[in-house]
């Protein structure tokens, strides 16, 4: 059955699914990602201490009075539950709005549409930017280039959205062809746009040679897993709530039809 319900109903459904998804993603980040961040911070602090030891300081000046962070590490760890919970709510509202718009142009059932949107969203907003500009731990990256790196990441997100949109357009354009042909053409169009964008966008590599490769790989894999948890749980949650709502409304409609 196609996705049914008013925009308000879909928004409430998206908010609930997004909140659950955000909290689950924060749980993954807390237990899996935080140890990698702690390890990266330890490396950064050790490098700073070594640099301080070799630096020639003016008489009477020491590094003893270092500025304390505004939020402690414990606060940061638990704060991600609040941050990702709010992010999940916002993402859920956007997800529901897109689903409300997309249902006019598809015959997919509500659960299938939700899973398809989640897959497309993760691909466009997470996967495409990630494989061009992967996440880096705290010890990696130059502070002076943060604005440039942020703009490049936003450009990669736009690239992902464009690639997914063009792939879906090509798939819909070949409606008269076999399903396999349409799928191959859509995927080919998506890959072509992504490859072209990757070539045009400049590369960024600020990882120092002495940074542990294993820790870098683990951090990036964890970051990818955390975002995947967010999108998978959002799609599954929205699909499950949609299916429950459809089951609850079906008996009423069947009874009304029988009575008529």
C-alpha atoms as a PDB file:
ATOM      1  CA  UNK A   1       0.000   0.000   0.000  1.00  0.00           C
ATOM      2  CA  UNK A   2       1.362   3.470  -0.906  1.00  0.00           C
ATOM      3  CA  UNK A   3       2.399   5.810   1.849  1.00  0.00           C
ATOM      4  CA  UNK A   4      -0.707   7.347   3.427  1.00  0.00           C
ATOM      5  CA  UNK A   5      -1.321   9.952   6.098  1.00  0.00           C
ATOM      6  CA  UNK A   6      -1.262  13.719   6.360  1.00  0.00           C
ATOM      7  CA  UNK A   7       1.955  15.726   6.467  1.00  0.00           C
ATOM      8  CA  UNK A   8       1.457  16.223  10.205  1.00  0.00           C
ATOM      9  CA  UNK A   9       1.178  12.464  10.727  1.00  0.00           C
ATOM     10  CA  UNK A  10       4.287  11.815   8.674  1.00  0.00           C
ATOM     11  CA  UNK A  11       6.203  14.521  10.559  1.00  0.00           C
ATOM     12  CA  UNK A  12       5.330  12.968  13.922  1.00  0.00           C
ATOM     13  CA  UNK A  13       6.384   9.587  12.562  1.00  0.00           C
ATOM     14  CA  UNK A  14       9.657  11.039  11.289  1.00  0.00           C
ATOM     15  CA  UNK A  15      10.399  12.832  14.561  1.00  0.00           C
ATOM     16  CA  UNK A  16       9.951   9.641  16.573  1.00  0.00           C
ATOM     17  CA  UNK A  17      12.020   7.548  14.166  1.00  0.00           C
ATOM     18  CA  UNK A  18      14.693  10.257  14.012  1.00  0.00           C
ATOM     19  CA  UNK A  19      14.953  10.560  17.788  1.00  0.00           C
ATOM     20  CA  UNK A  20      15.381   6.808  18.199  1.00  0.00           C
ATOM     21  CA  UNK A  21      17.916   6.694  15.361  1.00  0.00           C
ATOM     22  CA  UNK A  22      19.914   9.585  16.834  1.00  0.00           C
ATOM     23  CA  UNK A  23      20.108   7.992  20.281  1.00  0.00           C
ATOM     24  CA  UNK A  24      21.160   4.640  18.821  1.00  0.00           C
ATOM     25  CA  UNK A  25      23.835   6.334  16.714  1.00  0.00           C
ATOM     26  CA  UNK A  26      25.062   8.161  19.836  1.00  0.00           C
ATOM     27  CA  UNK A  27      25.274   4.815  21.633  1.00  0.00           C
ATOM     28  CA  UNK A  28      27.477   3.445  18.870  1.00  0.00           C
ATOM     29  CA  UNK A  29      29.605   6.569  19.034  1.00  0.00           C
ATOM     30  CA  UNK A  30      29.935   6.382  22.812  1.00  0.00           C
ATOM     31  CA  UNK A  31      31.016   2.752  23.053  1.00  0.00           C
ATOM     32  CA  UNK A  32      32.879   2.378  19.755  1.00  0.00           C
ATOM     33  CA  UNK A  33      33.964   5.820  18.621  1.00  0.00           C
ATOM     34  CA  UNK A  34      34.982   7.555  21.844  1.00  0.00           C
ATOM     35  CA  UNK A  35      37.911   5.201  22.632  1.00  0.00           C
ATOM     36  CA  UNK A  36      39.372   6.055  19.211  1.00  0.00           C
ATOM     37  CA  UNK A  37      38.968   9.774  19.898  1.00  0.00           C
ATOM     38  CA  UNK A  38      40.646   9.389  23.309  1.00  0.00           C
ATOM     39  CA  UNK A  39      43.575   7.626  21.643  1.00  0.00           C
ATOM     40  CA  UNK A  40      43.890  10.375  19.022  1.00  0.00           C
ATOM     41  CA  UNK A  41      43.772  13.091  21.702  1.00  0.00           C
ATOM     42  CA  UNK A  42      46.526  11.305  23.644  1.00  0.00           C
ATOM     43  CA  UNK A  43      48.707  11.349  20.523  1.00  0.00           C
ATOM     44  CA  UNK A  44      47.978  15.047  20.003  1.00  0.00           C
ATOM     45  CA  UNK A  45      48.853  15.872  23.611  1.00  0.00           C
ATOM     46  CA  UNK A  46      52.063  13.843  23.406  1.00  0.00           C
ATOM     47  CA  UNK A  47      53.111  15.666  20.227  1.00  0.00           C
ATOM     48  CA  UNK A  48      52.343  19.025  21.844  1.00  0.00           C
ATOM     49  CA  UNK A  49      54.421  18.107  24.893  1.00  0.00           C
ATOM     50  CA  UNK A  50      57.360  17.086  22.698  1.00  0.00           C
ATOM     51  CA  UNK A  51      57.160  20.329  20.754  1.00  0.00           C
ATOM     52  CA  UNK A  52      57.114  22.291  23.993  1.00  0.00           C
ATOM     53  CA  UNK A  53      60.189  20.498  25.278  1.00  0.00           C
ATOM     54  CA  UNK A  54      62.200  21.336  22.167  1.00  0.00           C
ATOM     55  CA  UNK A  55      60.984  24.918  21.886  1.00  0.00           C
ATOM     56  CA  UNK A  56      63.160  27.660  23.252  1.00  0.00           C
ATOM     57  CA  UNK A  57      61.028  29.689  25.647  1.00  0.00           C
ATOM     58  CA  UNK A  58      61.796  33.176  26.960  1.00  0.00           C
ATOM     59  CA  UNK A  59      63.019  33.309  30.520  1.00  0.00           C
ATOM     60  CA  UNK A  60      60.320  32.769  33.078  1.00  0.00           C
ATOM     61  CA  UNK A  61      57.712  31.561  30.505  1.00  0.00           C
ATOM     62  CA  UNK A  62      56.394  28.021  30.775  1.00  0.00           C
ATOM     63  CA  UNK A  63      53.595  25.880  29.332  1.00  0.00           C
ATOM     64  CA  UNK A  64      52.124  25.180  32.723  1.00  0.00           C
ATOM     65  CA  UNK A  65      49.179  27.549  32.295  1.00  0.00           C
ATOM     66  CA  UNK A  66      47.402  25.793  29.422  1.00  0.00           C
ATOM     67  CA  UNK A  67      43.861  26.834  28.648  1.00  0.00           C
ATOM     68  CA  UNK A  68      41.251  24.359  29.833  1.00  0.00           C
ATOM     69  CA  UNK A  69      38.587  23.215  27.331  1.00  0.00           C
ATOM     70  CA  UNK A  70      35.147  24.760  27.721  1.00  0.00           C
ATOM     71  CA  UNK A  71      33.563  21.292  27.924  1.00  0.00           C
ATOM     72  CA  UNK A  72      35.286  18.365  29.603  1.00  0.00           C
ATOM     73  CA  UNK A  73      35.748  15.049  27.813  1.00  0.00           C
ATOM     74  CA  UNK A  74      33.058  13.478  29.989  1.00  0.00           C
ATOM     75  CA  UNK A  75      30.689  16.264  29.022  1.00  0.00           C
ATOM     76  CA  UNK A  76      31.551  15.816  25.362  1.00  0.00           C
ATOM     77  CA  UNK A  77      30.940  12.067  25.530  1.00  0.00           C
ATOM     78  CA  UNK A  78      27.500  12.369  27.068  1.00  0.00           C
ATOM     79  CA  UNK A  79      26.733  15.530  25.118  1.00  0.00           C
ATOM     80  CA  UNK A  80      26.687  13.580  21.881  1.00  0.00           C
ATOM     81  CA  UNK A  81      23.438  11.929  23.016  1.00  0.00           C
ATOM     82  CA  UNK A  82      21.817  15.364  23.153  1.00  0.00           C
ATOM     83  CA  UNK A  83      23.469  16.486  19.915  1.00  0.00           C
ATOM     84  CA  UNK A  84      22.599  13.382  17.923  1.00  0.00           C
ATOM     85  CA  UNK A  85      19.137  13.229  19.472  1.00  0.00           C
ATOM     86  CA  UNK A  86      18.419  16.762  18.230  1.00  0.00           C
ATOM     87  CA  UNK A  87      20.071  16.002  14.893  1.00  0.00           C
ATOM     88  CA  UNK A  88      17.911  12.900  14.590  1.00  0.00           C
ATOM     89  CA  UNK A  89      14.767  14.963  15.230  1.00  0.00           C
ATOM     90  CA  UNK A  90      15.734  17.460  12.532  1.00  0.00           C
ATOM     91  CA  UNK A  91      16.699  14.724  10.088  1.00  0.00           C
ATOM     92  CA  UNK A  92      13.469  12.858  10.811  1.00  0.00           C
ATOM     93  CA  UNK A  93      11.392  15.955  10.029  1.00  0.00           C
ATOM     94  CA  UNK A  94      13.261  16.476   6.753  1.00  0.00           C
ATOM     95  CA  UNK A  95      12.935  12.774   5.942  1.00  0.00           C
ATOM     96  CA  UNK A  96       9.167  12.870   6.490  1.00  0.00           C
ATOM     97  CA  UNK A  97       8.805  15.982   4.334  1.00  0.00           C
ATOM     98  CA  UNK A  98      10.746  14.356   1.492  1.00  0.00           C
ATOM     99  CA  UNK A  99       8.653  11.195   1.832  1.00  0.00           C
ATOM    100  CA  UNK A 100       5.470  13.309   1.670  1.00  0.00           C
ATOM    101  CA  UNK A 101       6.714  14.860  -1.571  1.00  0.00           C
ATOM    102  CA  UNK A 102       8.132  11.662  -3.116  1.00  0.00           C
ATOM    103  CA  UNK A 103       5.014   9.542  -2.628  1.00  0.00           C
ATOM    104  CA  UNK A 104       3.300  11.523  -5.386  1.00  0.00           C
ATOM    105  CA  UNK A 105       5.764  10.188  -7.964  1.00  0.00           C
ATOM    106  CA  UNK A 106       6.056   6.517  -7.032  1.00  0.00           C
ATOM    107  CA  UNK A 107       3.936   3.439  -6.587  1.00  0.00           C
ATOM    108  CA  UNK A 108       6.191   1.958  -3.913  1.00  0.00           C
ATOM    109  CA  UNK A 109       4.618   0.927  -0.644  1.00  0.00           C
ATOM    110  CA  UNK A 110       5.198   3.110   2.396  1.00  0.00           C
ATOM    111  CA  UNK A 111       7.869   0.852   3.992  1.00  0.00           C
ATOM    112  CA  UNK A 112       9.723   0.367   0.694  1.00  0.00           C
ATOM    113  CA  UNK A 113       9.678   4.102   0.030  1.00  0.00           C
ATOM    114  CA  UNK A 114      11.098   4.772   3.502  1.00  0.00           C
ATOM    115  CA  UNK A 115      13.916   2.260   3.024  1.00  0.00           C
ATOM    116  CA  UNK A 116      14.660   3.602  -0.451  1.00  0.00           C
ATOM    117  CA  UNK A 117      14.841   7.196   0.788  1.00  0.00           C
ATOM    118  CA  UNK A 118      17.122   6.190   3.654  1.00  0.00           C
ATOM    119  CA  UNK A 119      19.450   4.354   1.262  1.00  0.00           C
ATOM    120  CA  UNK A 120      19.507   7.279  -1.168  1.00  0.00           C
ATOM    121  CA  UNK A 121      20.036   9.791   1.649  1.00  0.00           C
ATOM    122  CA  UNK A 122      22.931   7.875   3.174  1.00  0.00           C
ATOM    123  CA  UNK A 123      24.539   7.425  -0.234  1.00  0.00           C
ATOM    124  CA  UNK A 124      24.250  11.081  -1.182  1.00  0.00           C
ATOM    125  CA  UNK A 125      24.925  12.813   2.137  1.00  0.00           C
ATOM    126  CA  UNK A 126      27.351  10.359   3.758  1.00  0.00           C
ATOM    127  CA  UNK A 127      28.956   7.891   1.366  1.00  0.00           C
ATOM    128  CA  UNK A 128      29.848  10.168  -1.556  1.00  0.00           C
ATOM    129  CA  UNK A 129      31.440  12.901   0.618  1.00  0.00           C
ATOM    130  CA  UNK A 130      33.111  10.330   2.893  1.00  0.00           C
ATOM    131  CA  UNK A 131      35.065   8.549   0.182  1.00  0.00           C
ATOM    132  CA  UNK A 132      36.367  11.872  -1.125  1.00  0.00           C
ATOM    133  CA  UNK A 133      36.947  13.594   2.223  1.00  0.00           C
ATOM    134  CA  UNK A 134      36.949  10.917   4.956  1.00  0.00           C
ATOM    135  CA  UNK A 135      36.551  11.868   8.596  1.00  0.00           C
ATOM    136  CA  UNK A 136      39.725  12.533  10.576  1.00  0.00           C
ATOM    137  CA  UNK A 137      40.389  12.218  14.320  1.00  0.00           C
ATOM    138  CA  UNK A 138      41.188  15.300  16.463  1.00  0.00           C
ATOM    139  CA  UNK A 139      44.954  14.969  16.001  1.00  0.00           C
ATOM    140  CA  UNK A 140      44.646  15.249  12.212  1.00  0.00           C
ATOM    141  CA  UNK A 141      43.994  18.461  10.314  1.00  0.00           C
ATOM    142  CA  UNK A 142      45.303  22.001  10.257  1.00  0.00           C
ATOM    143  CA  UNK A 143      43.175  24.619  12.085  1.00  0.00           C
ATOM    144  CA  UNK A 144      43.898  27.181   9.377  1.00  0.00           C
ATOM    145  CA  UNK A 145      42.210  25.073   6.685  1.00  0.00           C
ATOM    146  CA  UNK A 146      39.005  24.189   8.548  1.00  0.00           C
ATOM    147  CA  UNK A 147      36.867  26.661   6.566  1.00  0.00           C
ATOM    148  CA  UNK A 148      38.231  25.398   3.281  1.00  0.00           C
ATOM    149  CA  UNK A 149      37.671  21.769   4.287  1.00  0.00           C
ATOM    150  CA  UNK A 150      34.113  22.560   5.381  1.00  0.00           C
ATOM    151  CA  UNK A 151      33.295  24.156   2.025  1.00  0.00           C
ATOM    152  CA  UNK A 152      34.795  21.222   0.160  1.00  0.00           C
ATOM    153  CA  UNK A 153      32.724  18.807   2.220  1.00  0.00           C
ATOM    154  CA  UNK A 154      29.558  20.789   1.445  1.00  0.00           C
ATOM    155  CA  UNK A 155      30.495  20.667  -2.235  1.00  0.00           C
ATOM    156  CA  UNK A 156      30.851  16.892  -1.957  1.00  0.00           C
ATOM    157  CA  UNK A 157      27.377  16.667  -0.365  1.00  0.00           C
ATOM    158  CA  UNK A 158      25.920  18.634  -3.272  1.00  0.00           C
ATOM    159  CA  UNK A 159      27.764  16.286  -5.604  1.00  0.00           C
ATOM    160  CA  UNK A 160      26.203  13.292  -3.868  1.00  0.00           C
ATOM    161  CA  UNK A 161      22.707  14.763  -4.077  1.00  0.00           C
ATOM    162  CA  UNK A 162      23.194  15.580  -7.759  1.00  0.00           C
ATOM    163  CA  UNK A 163      24.561  12.097  -8.517  1.00  0.00           C
ATOM    164  CA  UNK A 164      21.668  10.323  -6.799  1.00  0.00           C
ATOM    165  CA  UNK A 165      19.139  12.646  -8.422  1.00  0.00           C
ATOM    166  CA  UNK A 166      20.566  12.103 -11.908  1.00  0.00           C
ATOM    167  CA  UNK A 167      20.736   8.345 -11.355  1.00  0.00           C
ATOM    168  CA  UNK A 168      17.062   8.239 -10.339  1.00  0.00           C
ATOM    169  CA  UNK A 169      16.114  10.487 -13.259  1.00  0.00           C
ATOM    170  CA  UNK A 170      17.806   8.168 -15.748  1.00  0.00           C
ATOM    171  CA  UNK A 171      16.101   5.187 -14.118  1.00  0.00           C
ATOM    172  CA  UNK A 172      12.683   6.830 -14.439  1.00  0.00           C
ATOM    173  CA  UNK A 173      13.440   8.052 -17.965  1.00  0.00           C
ATOM    174  CA  UNK A 174      13.883   4.476 -19.202  1.00  0.00           C
ATOM    175  CA  UNK A 175      10.511   3.305 -17.926  1.00  0.00           C
ATOM    176  CA  UNK A 176       9.833   1.402 -21.149  1.00  0.00           C
ATOM    177  CA  UNK A 177      13.018  -0.674 -20.858  1.00  0.00           C
ATOM    178  CA  UNK A 178      13.679  -3.852 -18.914  1.00  0.00           C
ATOM    179  CA  UNK A 179      14.219  -3.416 -15.181  1.00  0.00           C
ATOM    180  CA  UNK A 180      17.807  -4.633 -15.393  1.00  0.00           C
ATOM    181  CA  UNK A 181      18.611  -2.172 -18.171  1.00  0.00           C
ATOM    182  CA  UNK A 182      17.085   0.688 -16.187  1.00  0.00           C
ATOM    183  CA  UNK A 183      19.061  -0.258 -13.078  1.00  0.00           C
ATOM    184  CA  UNK A 184      22.351  -0.509 -14.970  1.00  0.00           C
ATOM    185  CA  UNK A 185      21.757   2.842 -16.660  1.00  0.00           C
ATOM    186  CA  UNK A 186      20.837   4.546 -13.389  1.00  0.00           C
ATOM    187  CA  UNK A 187      23.884   3.178 -11.567  1.00  0.00           C
ATOM    188  CA  UNK A 188      26.146   4.076 -14.496  1.00  0.00           C
ATOM    189  CA  UNK A 189      24.856   7.660 -14.495  1.00  0.00           C
ATOM    190  CA  UNK A 190      25.402   7.896 -10.725  1.00  0.00           C
ATOM    191  CA  UNK A 191      28.976   6.565 -10.962  1.00  0.00           C
ATOM    192  CA  UNK A 192      29.797   8.835 -13.899  1.00  0.00           C
ATOM    193  CA  UNK A 193      28.704  11.969 -12.029  1.00  0.00           C
ATOM    194  CA  UNK A 194      30.569  10.923  -8.857  1.00  0.00           C
ATOM    195  CA  UNK A 195      33.795  10.133 -10.716  1.00  0.00           C
ATOM    196  CA  UNK A 196      33.647  13.426 -12.609  1.00  0.00           C
ATOM    197  CA  UNK A 197      33.061  15.308  -9.369  1.00  0.00           C
ATOM    198  CA  UNK A 198      35.906  13.512  -7.597  1.00  0.00           C
ATOM    199  CA  UNK A 199      38.256  14.512 -10.420  1.00  0.00           C
ATOM    200  CA  UNK A 200      37.215  18.162 -10.327  1.00  0.00           C
ATOM    201  CA  UNK A 201      37.232  18.573  -6.543  1.00  0.00           C
ATOM    202  CA  UNK A 202      40.694  19.126  -5.027  1.00  0.00           C
ATOM    203  CA  UNK A 203      42.146  16.517  -2.722  1.00  0.00           C
ATOM    204  CA  UNK A 204      42.899  17.100   0.961  1.00  0.00           C
ATOM    205  CA  UNK A 205      45.482  15.066   2.838  1.00  0.00           C
ATOM    206  CA  UNK A 206      46.649  16.486   6.163  1.00  0.00           C
ATOM    207  CA  UNK A 207      47.464  13.176   7.851  1.00  0.00           C
ATOM    208  CA  UNK A 208      50.990  13.222   9.221  1.00  0.00           C
ATOM    209  CA  UNK A 209      53.310  10.367   8.370  1.00  0.00           C
ATOM    210  CA  UNK A 210      53.822   9.401  12.007  1.00  0.00           C
ATOM    211  CA  UNK A 211      50.091   9.068  12.794  1.00  0.00           C
ATOM    212  CA  UNK A 212      49.172   5.388  13.407  1.00  0.00           C
ATOM    213  CA  UNK A 213      47.518   4.016  10.278  1.00  0.00           C
ATOM    214  CA  UNK A 214      45.499   1.455  12.230  1.00  0.00           C
ATOM    215  CA  UNK A 215      43.979   4.101  14.500  1.00  0.00           C
ATOM    216  CA  UNK A 216      43.157   6.296  11.501  1.00  0.00           C
ATOM    217  CA  UNK A 217      41.423   3.408   9.729  1.00  0.00           C
ATOM    218  CA  UNK A 218      39.511   2.416  12.875  1.00  0.00           C
ATOM    219  CA  UNK A 219      38.334   5.983  13.474  1.00  0.00           C
ATOM    220  CA  UNK A 220      37.095   6.366   9.903  1.00  0.00           C
ATOM    221  CA  UNK A 221      35.361   2.981   9.944  1.00  0.00           C
ATOM    222  CA  UNK A 222      33.683   3.889  13.235  1.00  0.00           C
ATOM    223  CA  UNK A 223      32.567   7.255  11.870  1.00  0.00           C
ATOM    224  CA  UNK A 224      31.072   5.571   8.827  1.00  0.00           C
ATOM    225  CA  UNK A 225      29.368   2.980  11.033  1.00  0.00           C
ATOM    226  CA  UNK A 226      27.871   5.666  13.277  1.00  0.00           C
ATOM    227  CA  UNK A 227      26.315   7.540  10.374  1.00  0.00           C
ATOM    228  CA  UNK A 228      25.136   4.266   8.852  1.00  0.00           C
ATOM    229  CA  UNK A 229      23.419   3.428  12.147  1.00  0.00           C
ATOM    230  CA  UNK A 230      21.633   6.781  12.057  1.00  0.00           C
ATOM    231  CA  UNK A 231      20.309   6.334   8.523  1.00  0.00           C
ATOM    232  CA  UNK A 232      19.512   2.626   8.794  1.00  0.00           C
ATOM    233  CA  UNK A 233      17.578   3.095  12.031  1.00  0.00           C
ATOM    234  CA  UNK A 234      15.779   6.123  10.601  1.00  0.00           C
ATOM    235  CA  UNK A 235      14.683   4.190   7.525  1.00  0.00           C
ATOM    236  CA  UNK A 236      13.720   1.064   9.457  1.00  0.00           C
ATOM    237  CA  UNK A 237      11.944   3.048  12.170  1.00  0.00           C
ATOM    238  CA  UNK A 238       9.933   5.085   9.685  1.00  0.00           C
ATOM    239  CA  UNK A 239       9.108   1.927   7.704  1.00  0.00           C
ATOM    240  CA  UNK A 240       8.011   0.051  10.836  1.00  0.00           C
ATOM    241  CA  UNK A 241       5.818   2.904  12.060  1.00  0.00           C
ATOM    242  CA  UNK A 242       4.299   3.184   8.583  1.00  0.00           C
ATOM    243  CA  UNK A 243       3.522  -0.525   8.490  1.00  0.00           C
ATOM    244  CA  UNK A 244       1.949  -0.425  11.948  1.00  0.00           C
ATOM    245  CA  UNK A 245      -0.214   2.545  10.931  1.00  0.00           C
ATOM    246  CA  UNK A 246      -1.281   0.769   7.744  1.00  0.00           C
ATOM    247  CA  UNK A 247      -2.286  -2.378   9.638  1.00  0.00           C
ATOM    248  CA  UNK A 248      -4.268  -0.362  12.162  1.00  0.00           C
ATOM    249  CA  UNK A 249      -6.221   1.458   9.462  1.00  0.00           C
ATOM    250  CA  UNK A 250      -6.870  -1.506   7.131  1.00  0.00           C
ATOM    251  CA  UNK A 251      -9.474  -3.376   9.262  1.00  0.00           C
ATOM    252  CA  UNK A 252     -11.519  -0.187   9.657  1.00  0.00           C
ATOM    253  CA  UNK A 253     -11.591   0.360   5.916  1.00  0.00           C
ATOM    254  CA  UNK A 254     -12.491  -3.275   5.198  1.00  0.00           C
ATOM    255  CA  UNK A 255     -15.353  -3.116   7.724  1.00  0.00           C
ATOM    256  CA  UNK A 256     -16.700   0.081   6.201  1.00  0.00           C
ATOM    257  CA  UNK A 257     -16.510  -1.447   2.709  1.00  0.00           C
ATOM    258  CA  UNK A 258     -18.372  -4.587   3.835  1.00  0.00           C
ATOM    259  CA  UNK A 259     -21.072  -2.569   5.546  1.00  0.00           C
ATOM    260  CA  UNK A 260     -21.621  -0.551   2.395  1.00  0.00           C
END
